[in-house]
């Protein structure tokens, strides 16, 4: 597991601090893989807003995506979240 830098941890904290984005991340992390349409169906957000949240999560490496035909599927990257948790855990030890 790679060591996370403070700047990256801050960006993840900010991203997950948004209640809608946190909910979207949780929905993805709780399953194996989820189709973008399922994310939109579960939230009362416009598709464009959901797309923005997914881009932020993807850019931070918390989720990854793959395209199959016209559909985009998302899955969480547990290693990235584990690195974030490890960073937070070590704050208490300093």
Protein backbone atom coordinates (compact mmCIF):
# COMPACT_ATOMS: atom_id res chain seq x y z
CA UNK A 1 0.00 0.00 0.00
CA UNK A 2 1.41 3.37 -0.99
CA UNK A 3 1.83 6.17 1.52
CA UNK A 4 -0.63 8.97 1.01
CA UNK A 5 0.50 12.59 1.12
CA UNK A 6 -1.37 15.22 3.11
CA UNK A 7 -2.51 17.11 0.01
CA UNK A 8 -4.13 13.99 -1.46
CA UNK A 9 -5.79 13.13 1.86
CA UNK A 10 -7.16 16.67 2.07
CA UNK A 11 -8.67 16.38 -1.43
CA UNK A 12 -10.29 13.06 -0.54
CA UNK A 13 -11.65 14.48 2.72
CA UNK A 14 -13.12 17.42 0.83
CA UNK A 15 -14.62 15.15 -1.83
CA UNK A 16 -16.21 12.79 0.68
CA UNK A 17 -17.38 15.75 2.76
CA UNK A 18 -20.07 16.40 0.16
CA UNK A 19 -23.11 14.37 1.32
CA UNK A 20 -24.21 13.48 -2.22
CA UNK A 21 -20.72 12.45 -3.29
CA UNK A 22 -20.26 10.40 -0.12
CA UNK A 23 -23.58 8.65 -0.78
CA UNK A 24 -22.56 7.88 -4.37
CA UNK A 25 -19.20 6.54 -3.21
CA UNK A 26 -20.87 4.39 -0.56
CA UNK A 27 -23.30 3.00 -3.14
CA UNK A 28 -20.41 2.01 -5.41
CA UNK A 29 -18.24 0.65 -2.57
CA UNK A 30 -21.03 -1.54 -1.20
CA UNK A 31 -21.29 -3.51 -4.42
CA UNK A 32 -19.03 -5.20 -6.89
CA UNK A 33 -19.71 -2.97 -9.88
CA UNK A 34 -22.49 -0.55 -10.70
CA UNK A 35 -23.84 0.88 -13.94
CA UNK A 36 -24.01 4.68 -14.12
CA UNK A 37 -27.78 4.56 -14.67
CA UNK A 38 -28.20 2.77 -11.34
CA UNK A 39 -26.35 5.57 -9.60
CA UNK A 40 -28.65 8.14 -11.24
CA UNK A 41 -31.76 6.13 -10.32
CA UNK A 42 -30.78 6.03 -6.65
CA UNK A 43 -30.20 9.78 -6.25
CA UNK A 44 -32.42 12.78 -6.85
CA UNK A 45 -29.68 14.54 -8.81
CA UNK A 46 -29.48 15.42 -12.46
CA UNK A 47 -27.40 13.06 -14.62
CA UNK A 48 -24.92 15.89 -15.17
CA UNK A 49 -24.45 16.36 -11.43
CA UNK A 50 -23.99 12.61 -10.89
CA UNK A 51 -21.47 12.60 -13.73
CA UNK A 52 -19.53 15.43 -12.07
CA UNK A 53 -19.43 13.58 -8.74
CA UNK A 54 -18.28 10.40 -10.48
CA UNK A 55 -15.51 12.32 -12.24
CA UNK A 56 -14.25 13.76 -8.96
CA UNK A 57 -14.22 10.29 -7.36
CA UNK A 58 -12.48 8.84 -10.42
CA UNK A 59 -9.87 11.63 -10.59
CA UNK A 60 -9.00 11.00 -6.93
CA UNK A 61 -8.61 7.28 -7.60
CA UNK A 62 -11.43 6.26 -5.25
CA UNK A 63 -13.34 4.62 -8.10
CA UNK A 64 -12.46 3.29 -11.48
CA UNK A 65 -14.63 2.95 -14.55
CA UNK A 66 -14.89 0.86 -17.65
CA UNK A 67 -16.98 1.44 -20.73
CA UNK A 68 -18.98 -1.35 -22.31
CA UNK A 69 -20.86 -0.19 -25.38
CA UNK A 70 -22.73 2.93 -24.36
CA UNK A 71 -22.68 2.04 -20.67
CA UNK A 72 -20.12 3.03 -18.06
CA UNK A 73 -19.58 0.79 -15.04
CA UNK A 74 -17.95 1.92 -11.80
CA UNK A 75 -16.23 0.05 -9.01
CA UNK A 76 -14.44 1.21 -5.90
CA UNK A 77 -10.68 1.03 -5.43
CA UNK A 78 -10.38 -0.35 -1.88
CA UNK A 79 -6.62 0.16 -1.79
CA UNK A 80 -7.02 3.91 -2.21
CA UNK A 81 -9.60 4.15 0.55
CA UNK A 82 -7.41 1.96 2.78
CA UNK A 83 -4.48 4.33 2.19
CA UNK A 84 -6.72 7.26 3.17
CA UNK A 85 -7.82 5.47 6.36
CA UNK A 86 -4.20 4.64 7.13
CA UNK A 87 -3.28 8.32 6.75
CA UNK A 88 -6.07 9.30 9.17
CA UNK A 89 -5.08 6.58 11.62
CA UNK A 90 -1.52 7.86 11.75
CA UNK A 91 -2.72 11.37 12.62
CA UNK A 92 -3.53 10.03 16.10
CA UNK A 93 -0.08 8.55 16.47
CA UNK A 94 1.88 11.75 15.87
